[in-house]
C-alpha atoms as a PDB file:
ATOM      1  CA  MET A   1      76.871  89.801  89.194  1.00  0.00           C
ATOM      2  CA  THR A   2      79.992  87.888  90.184  1.00  0.00           C
ATOM      3  CA  THR A   3      82.614  89.646  92.283  1.00  0.00           C
ATOM      4  CA  LEU A   4      86.250  89.219  91.338  1.00  0.00           C
ATOM      5  CA  PRO A   5      88.685  87.576  93.762  1.00  0.00           C
ATOM      6  CA  GLU A   6      90.631  89.945  95.958  1.00  0.00           C
ATOM      7  CA  ASN A   7      93.905  91.136  94.415  1.00  0.00           C
ATOM      8  CA  PRO A   8      96.533  91.675  97.140  1.00  0.00           C
ATOM      9  CA  PHE A   9      98.472  94.058  94.878  1.00  0.00           C
ATOM     10  CA  ALA A  10      95.529  96.113  93.640  1.00  0.00           C
ATOM     11  CA  HIS A  11      96.529  99.115  95.732  1.00  0.00           C
ATOM     12  CA  LEU A  12     100.046  99.284  94.210  1.00  0.00           C
ATOM     13  CA  SER A  13     101.065 101.085  91.079  1.00  0.00           C
ATOM     14  CA  ILE A  14     104.016  99.809  89.048  1.00  0.00           C
ATOM     15  CA  ALA A  15     106.180 102.557  90.582  1.00  0.00           C
ATOM     16  CA  ASP A  16     105.301 101.280  94.050  1.00  0.00           C
ATOM     17  CA  TYR A  17     107.054  97.977  93.415  1.00  0.00           C
ATOM     18  CA  GLY A  18     110.553  99.442  92.947  1.00  0.00           C
ATOM     19  CA  GLY A  19     111.427 100.183  96.544  1.00  0.00           C
ATOM     20  CA  PRO A  20     110.122  96.944  98.064  1.00  0.00           C
ATOM     21  CA  LEU A  21     111.758  94.886  95.294  1.00  0.00           C
ATOM     22  CA  ARG A  22     115.133  96.575  95.718  1.00  0.00           C
ATOM     23  CA  GLY A  23     114.855  96.504  99.523  1.00  0.00           C
ATOM     24  CA  GLY A  24     113.907  92.833  99.693  1.00  0.00           C
ATOM     25  CA  GLY A  25     110.441  93.499 101.101  1.00  0.00           C
ATOM     26  CA  ILE A  26     108.908  91.509  98.276  1.00  0.00           C
ATOM     27  CA  SER A  27     110.351  89.271  95.600  1.00  0.00           C
ATOM     28  CA  SER A  28     109.816  89.373  91.832  1.00  0.00           C
ATOM     29  CA  GLU A  29     108.934  85.694  92.069  1.00  0.00           C
ATOM     30  CA  LYS A  30     106.170  86.359  94.598  1.00  0.00           C
ATOM     31  CA  VAL A  31     104.682  89.199  92.551  1.00  0.00           C
ATOM     32  CA  THR A  32     104.829  87.087  89.397  1.00  0.00           C
ATOM     33  CA  ALA A  33     103.343  84.027  91.118  1.00  0.00           C
ATOM     34  CA  THR A  34     100.508  86.146  92.515  1.00  0.00           C
ATOM     35  CA  PHE A  35      99.604  87.523  89.135  1.00  0.00           C
ATOM     36  CA  LEU A  36      99.840  84.098  87.527  1.00  0.00           C
ATOM     37  CA  GLN A  37      97.470  82.755  90.158  1.00  0.00           C
ATOM     38  CA  ARG A  38      95.090  85.617  89.402  1.00  0.00           C
ATOM     39  CA  ILE A  39      95.214  84.763  85.704  1.00  0.00           C
ATOM     40  CA  ASP A  40      94.412  81.161  86.576  1.00  0.00           C
ATOM     41  CA  GLU A  41      91.431  82.266  88.678  1.00  0.00           C
ATOM     42  CA  LEU A  42      89.949  84.765  86.210  1.00  0.00           C
ATOM     43  CA  ASN A  43      90.882  83.561  82.765  1.00  0.00           C
ATOM     44  CA  PRO A  44      88.301  80.759  82.568  1.00  0.00           C
ATOM     45  CA  LYS A  45      85.579  83.446  82.793  1.00  0.00           C
ATOM     46  CA  LEU A  46      87.363  86.228  80.926  1.00  0.00           C
ATOM     47  CA  GLY A  47      89.138  84.315  78.208  1.00  0.00           C
ATOM     48  CA  ALA A  48      91.779  87.036  78.071  1.00  0.00           C
ATOM     49  CA  PHE A  49      94.725  84.709  77.455  1.00  0.00           C
ATOM     50  CA  THR A  50      95.102  81.898  75.003  1.00  0.00           C
ATOM     51  CA  PHE A  51      98.610  81.079  76.284  1.00  0.00           C
ATOM     52  CA  VAL A  52     100.412  81.963  79.501  1.00  0.00           C
ATOM     53  CA  ALA A  53     104.142  81.359  79.743  1.00  0.00           C
ATOM     54  CA  GLY A  54     104.016  80.883  83.511  1.00  0.00           C
ATOM     55  CA  GLU A  55     107.188  78.832  83.957  1.00  0.00           C
ATOM     56  CA  GLN A  56     109.181  81.225  81.797  1.00  0.00           C
ATOM     57  CA  ALA A  57     107.788  84.212  83.722  1.00  0.00           C
ATOM     58  CA  LEU A  58     108.734  82.616  87.037  1.00  0.00           C
ATOM     59  CA  ALA A  59     112.241  81.782  85.738  1.00  0.00           C
ATOM     60  CA  ALA A  60     112.715  85.369  84.622  1.00  0.00           C
ATOM     61  CA  ALA A  61     111.476  86.629  88.008  1.00  0.00           C
ATOM     62  CA  ARG A  62     113.970  84.352  89.844  1.00  0.00           C
ATOM     63  CA  LYS A  63     116.789  85.772  87.717  1.00  0.00           C
ATOM     64  CA  MET A  64     115.668  89.265  88.542  1.00  0.00           C
ATOM     65  CA  ASP A  65     115.611  88.452  92.236  1.00  0.00           C
ATOM     66  CA  LYS A  66     119.223  87.233  92.006  1.00  0.00           C
ATOM     67  CA  LEU A  67     120.243  90.479  90.305  1.00  0.00           C
ATOM     68  CA  LEU A  68     118.547  92.504  93.050  1.00  0.00           C
ATOM     69  CA  ARG A  69     120.308  90.706  95.904  1.00  0.00           C
END
């Protein structure tokens, strides 16, 4: 059995992101990049995605970070 790579955000629920995002403790871009990296790591084995709009997701995350500043 293969073990999955460690997910640094596994212990957070979606509600847990609000405070750190608003407070500047973490950026939307960093969260998005981390999950995109995880997709890159796991998708070859899982085949869960046929298309990932990574650049668009990062662009949207950067816009959100600007709104939160």
